[in-house]
Amino acid sequence: DVYKRQSWHMFAVLLPFETLGISRQDFINAMAEHNIGCGVHYPALHEMTLYRAYQRTPCPNASRIGKETVTLPLFPAMKMDDVDRVCATMNDVLNTIAQ
């Protein structure tokens, strides 16, 4: 059962920012205007300063995923109303600022 293996310490989603015509930072800023903090985790490892020297081949999928990942709020005290508010706000933000 997948729910028994998930740690539920963060909820990362992929959003095609380039296709939507917005930047990840614009999305994060818009969510923050609604008092919802988002984070950026999991950048593409090969693009981090320490590992650039070791990259031997292009990693386009890792680069794309690293740029499209945003972490939504998730914490143990979160109520279903909180989840609904995050989801509704994300939907509103994407509909408002995306092309």
N, C-alpha and C. Protein backbone atom coordinates (compact mmCIF):
# COMPACT_ATOMS: atom_id res chain seq x y z
N ASP A 1 0.84 -1.18 0.00
CA ASP A 1 0.00 0.00 0.00
C ASP A 1 0.89 1.24 0.00
N VAL A 2 0.72 2.10 -1.01
CA VAL A 2 1.56 3.28 -1.17
C VAL A 2 1.46 4.22 0.03
N TYR A 3 0.32 4.32 0.68
CA TYR A 3 0.15 5.23 1.80
C TYR A 3 0.96 4.81 3.02
N LYS A 4 1.32 3.57 3.12
CA LYS A 4 2.13 3.10 4.23
C LYS A 4 3.61 3.40 4.00
N ARG A 5 4.00 3.62 2.75
CA ARG A 5 5.41 3.87 2.44
C ARG A 5 5.73 5.35 2.29
N GLN A 6 4.76 6.21 2.13
CA GLN A 6 4.96 7.63 1.93
C GLN A 6 5.23 8.32 3.26
N SER A 7 6.25 9.15 3.32
CA SER A 7 6.57 9.86 4.56
C SER A 7 5.68 11.09 4.74
N TRP A 8 5.13 11.61 3.66
CA TRP A 8 4.26 12.79 3.70
C TRP A 8 4.91 13.98 4.39
N HIS A 9 6.21 14.16 4.19
CA HIS A 9 6.86 15.33 4.78
C HIS A 9 6.93 16.50 3.80
N MET A 10 6.70 16.24 2.53
CA MET A 10 6.57 17.31 1.55
C MET A 10 5.78 16.79 0.36
N PHE A 11 5.18 17.71 -0.37
CA PHE A 11 4.35 17.35 -1.51
C PHE A 11 4.85 18.12 -2.72
N ALA A 12 5.67 17.48 -3.52
CA ALA A 12 6.24 18.13 -4.70
C ALA A 12 5.40 17.81 -5.93
N VAL A 13 5.14 18.84 -6.72
CA VAL A 13 4.38 18.67 -7.96
C VAL A 13 5.20 19.23 -9.11
N LEU A 14 4.94 18.70 -10.28
CA LEU A 14 5.55 19.22 -11.51
C LEU A 14 4.54 20.11 -12.20
N LEU A 15 4.94 21.32 -12.49
CA LEU A 15 4.08 22.25 -13.21
C LEU A 15 4.85 22.74 -14.43
N PRO A 16 4.29 22.63 -15.62
CA PRO A 16 5.00 23.02 -16.84
C PRO A 16 5.02 24.55 -17.00
N PHE A 17 5.86 25.21 -16.22
CA PHE A 17 5.86 26.67 -16.16
C PHE A 17 6.07 27.30 -17.53
N GLU A 18 6.98 26.77 -18.32
CA GLU A 18 7.23 27.36 -19.63
C GLU A 18 5.99 27.26 -20.52
N THR A 19 5.34 26.12 -20.50
CA THR A 19 4.11 25.93 -21.27
C THR A 19 3.01 26.87 -20.78
N LEU A 20 2.96 27.08 -19.46
CA LEU A 20 1.95 27.96 -18.87
C LEU A 20 2.26 29.44 -19.10
N GLY A 21 3.49 29.72 -19.50
CA GLY A 21 3.87 31.11 -19.76
C GLY A 21 4.18 31.90 -18.51
N ILE A 22 4.57 31.23 -17.44
CA ILE A 22 4.92 31.90 -16.19
C ILE A 22 6.24 31.31 -15.67
N SER A 23 6.84 32.01 -14.75
CA SER A 23 8.03 31.46 -14.12
C SER A 23 7.64 30.78 -12.82
N ARG A 24 8.50 29.91 -12.35
CA ARG A 24 8.24 29.26 -11.07
C ARG A 24 8.19 30.31 -9.97
N GLN A 25 9.07 31.31 -10.04
CA GLN A 25 9.09 32.34 -9.01
C GLN A 25 7.80 33.16 -9.02
N ASP A 26 7.24 33.43 -10.20
CA ASP A 26 5.95 34.13 -10.28
C ASP A 26 4.86 33.32 -9.57
N PHE A 27 4.87 32.02 -9.78
CA PHE A 27 3.89 31.15 -9.13
C PHE A 27 4.08 31.19 -7.61
N ILE A 28 5.32 31.05 -7.16
CA ILE A 28 5.60 31.07 -5.72
C ILE A 28 5.18 32.41 -5.11
N ASN A 29 5.48 33.51 -5.80
CA ASN A 29 5.10 34.83 -5.30
C ASN A 29 3.59 34.99 -5.23
N ALA A 30 2.89 34.50 -6.25
CA ALA A 30 1.43 34.60 -6.26
C ALA A 30 0.81 33.78 -5.13
N MET A 31 1.35 32.60 -4.88
CA MET A 31 0.86 31.78 -3.76
C MET A 31 1.13 32.48 -2.43
N ALA A 32 2.29 33.11 -2.31
CA ALA A 32 2.65 33.82 -1.08
C ALA A 32 1.70 34.99 -0.82
N GLU A 33 1.20 35.61 -1.87
CA GLU A 33 0.23 36.70 -1.71
C GLU A 33 -1.05 36.20 -1.04
N HIS A 34 -1.29 34.90 -1.10
CA HIS A 34 -2.45 34.27 -0.46
C HIS A 34 -2.04 33.55 0.82
N ASN A 35 -0.85 33.91 1.34
CA ASN A 35 -0.32 33.33 2.58
C ASN A 35 -0.10 31.82 2.49
N ILE A 36 0.29 31.37 1.32
CA ILE A 36 0.63 29.96 1.13
C ILE A 36 2.08 29.90 0.67
N GLY A 37 2.92 29.33 1.51
CA GLY A 37 4.33 29.23 1.19
C GLY A 37 4.63 27.98 0.38
N CYS A 38 5.38 28.14 -0.67
CA CYS A 38 5.83 27.02 -1.49
C CYS A 38 7.35 27.01 -1.47
N GLY A 39 7.92 25.86 -1.74
CA GLY A 39 9.36 25.75 -1.73
C GLY A 39 9.88 25.15 -3.01
N VAL A 40 11.20 25.15 -3.12
CA VAL A 40 11.87 24.52 -4.25
C VAL A 40 12.83 23.50 -3.68
N HIS A 41 12.56 22.26 -3.95
CA HIS A 41 13.43 21.17 -3.54
C HIS A 41 13.80 20.40 -4.82
N TYR A 42 14.75 19.58 -4.71
CA TYR A 42 15.13 18.70 -5.81
C TYR A 42 15.56 19.41 -7.09
N PRO A 43 16.53 20.34 -6.99
CA PRO A 43 17.06 20.86 -8.26
C PRO A 43 17.81 19.74 -8.97
N ALA A 44 18.02 19.90 -10.25
CA ALA A 44 18.76 18.89 -11.00
C ALA A 44 20.18 18.82 -10.44
N LEU A 45 20.57 17.66 -10.00
CA LEU A 45 21.85 17.47 -9.33
C LEU A 45 23.03 17.90 -10.20
N HIS A 46 22.98 17.57 -11.47
CA HIS A 46 24.10 17.88 -12.36
C HIS A 46 24.27 19.38 -12.60
N GLU A 47 23.27 20.18 -12.24
CA GLU A 47 23.36 21.63 -12.42
C GLU A 47 23.87 22.34 -11.16
N MET A 48 24.03 21.61 -10.08
CA MET A 48 24.57 22.20 -8.86
C MET A 48 26.07 22.41 -9.05
N THR A 49 26.60 23.49 -8.48
CA THR A 49 28.00 23.88 -8.69
C THR A 49 28.98 22.73 -8.47
N LEU A 50 28.83 22.00 -7.40
CA LEU A 50 29.76 20.93 -7.06
C LEU A 50 29.82 19.84 -8.14
N TYR A 51 28.69 19.56 -8.78
CA TYR A 51 28.62 18.42 -9.70
C TYR A 51 28.79 18.80 -11.17
N ARG A 52 28.82 20.08 -11.50
CA ARG A 52 28.93 20.49 -12.91
C ARG A 52 30.17 19.91 -13.58
N ALA A 53 31.26 19.85 -12.85
CA ALA A 53 32.51 19.36 -13.42
C ALA A 53 32.44 17.87 -13.78
N TYR A 54 31.51 17.14 -13.19
CA TYR A 54 31.40 15.70 -13.40
C TYR A 54 30.39 15.31 -14.47
N GLN A 55 29.63 16.27 -14.96
CA GLN A 55 28.61 15.94 -15.95
C GLN A 55 29.27 15.61 -17.28
N ARG A 56 29.00 14.42 -17.77
CA ARG A 56 29.61 13.98 -19.01
C ARG A 56 28.63 14.02 -20.19
N THR A 57 27.36 13.91 -19.91
CA THR A 57 26.35 13.93 -20.96
C THR A 57 25.21 14.85 -20.55
N PRO A 58 24.48 15.38 -21.52
CA PRO A 58 23.32 16.22 -21.20
C PRO A 58 22.26 15.41 -20.45
N CYS A 59 21.56 16.07 -19.59
CA CYS A 59 20.48 15.43 -18.82
C CYS A 59 19.22 16.28 -18.96
N PRO A 60 18.63 16.32 -20.16
CA PRO A 60 17.50 17.23 -20.39
C PRO A 60 16.28 16.95 -19.52
N ASN A 61 15.98 15.69 -19.25
CA ASN A 61 14.82 15.39 -18.41
C ASN A 61 15.04 15.85 -16.98
N ALA A 62 16.22 15.59 -16.45
CA ALA A 62 16.53 16.04 -15.09
C ALA A 62 16.49 17.56 -15.01
N SER A 63 17.01 18.24 -16.01
CA SER A 63 16.99 19.71 -16.04
C SER A 63 15.56 20.23 -16.06
N ARG A 64 14.73 19.65 -16.91
CA ARG A 64 13.33 20.09 -17.01
C ARG A 64 12.60 19.86 -15.69
N ILE A 65 12.74 18.68 -15.13
CA ILE A 65 12.06 18.35 -13.88
C ILE A 65 12.55 19.26 -12.75
N GLY A 66 13.84 19.53 -12.72
CA GLY A 66 14.38 20.42 -11.71
C GLY A 66 13.80 21.82 -11.78
N LYS A 67 13.48 22.26 -12.99
CA LYS A 67 12.91 23.60 -13.18
C LYS A 67 11.39 23.64 -12.99
N GLU A 68 10.74 22.49 -13.07
CA GLU A 68 9.27 22.45 -13.00
C GLU A 68 8.73 21.99 -11.64
N THR A 69 9.62 21.64 -10.73
CA THR A 69 9.19 21.13 -9.44
C THR A 69 8.97 22.26 -8.46
N VAL A 70 7.87 22.21 -7.77
CA VAL A 70 7.57 23.14 -6.69
C VAL A 70 6.96 22.32 -5.55
N THR A 71 7.28 22.69 -4.33
CA THR A 71 6.79 21.95 -3.18
C THR A 71 5.67 22.72 -2.52
N LEU A 72 4.53 22.07 -2.41
CA LEU A 72 3.35 22.66 -1.77
C LEU A 72 3.38 22.36 -0.26
N PRO A 73 2.67 23.16 0.51
CA PRO A 73 2.64 22.90 1.96
C PRO A 73 2.08 21.52 2.30
N LEU A 74 2.70 20.90 3.26
CA LEU A 74 2.24 19.61 3.79
C LEU A 74 2.86 19.45 5.16
N PHE A 75 2.03 19.28 6.16
CA PHE A 75 2.52 19.13 7.53
C PHE A 75 1.50 18.36 8.35
N PRO A 76 1.92 17.74 9.43
CA PRO A 76 1.04 16.85 10.19
C PRO A 76 -0.25 17.50 10.70
N ALA A 77 -0.20 18.77 11.06
CA ALA A 77 -1.40 19.43 11.61
C ALA A 77 -2.33 19.97 10.53
N MET A 78 -2.01 19.73 9.29
CA MET A 78 -2.82 20.24 8.19
C MET A 78 -4.19 19.56 8.18
N LYS A 79 -5.22 20.36 8.08
CA LYS A 79 -6.60 19.87 8.03
C LYS A 79 -7.07 19.81 6.57
N MET A 80 -8.14 19.10 6.33
CA MET A 80 -8.68 19.01 4.98
C MET A 80 -9.06 20.39 4.44
N ASP A 81 -9.51 21.28 5.30
CA ASP A 81 -9.81 22.65 4.86
C ASP A 81 -8.55 23.34 4.34
N ASP A 82 -7.41 23.07 5.00
CA ASP A 82 -6.14 23.63 4.54
C ASP A 82 -5.77 23.06 3.17
N VAL A 83 -5.94 21.77 3.02
CA VAL A 83 -5.64 21.11 1.73
C VAL A 83 -6.52 21.70 0.63
N ASP A 84 -7.80 21.84 0.93
CA ASP A 84 -8.73 22.41 -0.05
C ASP A 84 -8.33 23.84 -0.42
N ARG A 85 -7.89 24.63 0.57
CA ARG A 85 -7.49 26.02 0.31
C ARG A 85 -6.24 26.07 -0.56
N VAL A 86 -5.27 25.21 -0.27
CA VAL A 86 -4.05 25.18 -1.09
C VAL A 86 -4.39 24.80 -2.53
N CYS A 87 -5.21 23.77 -2.69
CA CYS A 87 -5.57 23.31 -4.04
C CYS A 87 -6.38 24.37 -4.79
N ALA A 88 -7.35 24.98 -4.13
CA ALA A 88 -8.17 26.00 -4.78
C ALA A 88 -7.33 27.22 -5.14
N THR A 89 -6.43 27.61 -4.25
CA THR A 89 -5.57 28.76 -4.52
C THR A 89 -4.63 28.47 -5.67
N MET A 90 -4.05 27.28 -5.69
CA MET A 90 -3.17 26.91 -6.79
C MET A 90 -3.93 26.96 -8.11
N ASN A 91 -5.12 26.43 -8.13
CA ASN A 91 -5.95 26.46 -9.34
C ASN A 91 -6.24 27.90 -9.76
N ASP A 92 -6.63 28.75 -8.80
CA ASP A 92 -6.92 30.16 -9.11
C ASP A 92 -5.68 30.88 -9.63
N VAL A 93 -4.55 30.66 -8.97
CA VAL A 93 -3.30 31.32 -9.37
C VAL A 93 -2.93 30.90 -10.79
N LEU A 94 -2.98 29.62 -11.06
CA LEU A 94 -2.63 29.15 -12.41
C LEU A 94 -3.58 29.69 -13.46
N ASN A 95 -4.86 29.76 -13.14
CA ASN A 95 -5.83 30.29 -14.09
C ASN A 95 -5.68 31.80 -14.28
N THR A 96 -5.21 32.49 -13.25
CA THR A 96 -5.09 33.95 -13.30
C THR A 96 -3.80 34.39 -13.99
N ILE A 97 -2.68 33.77 -13.64
CA ILE A 97 -1.41 34.27 -14.17
C ILE A 97 -0.90 33.51 -15.39
N ALA A 98 -1.43 32.35 -15.64
CA ALA A 98 -1.00 31.59 -16.83
C ALA A 98 -1.68 32.14 -18.06
N GLN A 99 -1.06 31.94 -19.20
CA GLN A 99 -1.62 32.44 -20.47
C GLN A 99 -2.95 31.81 -20.78
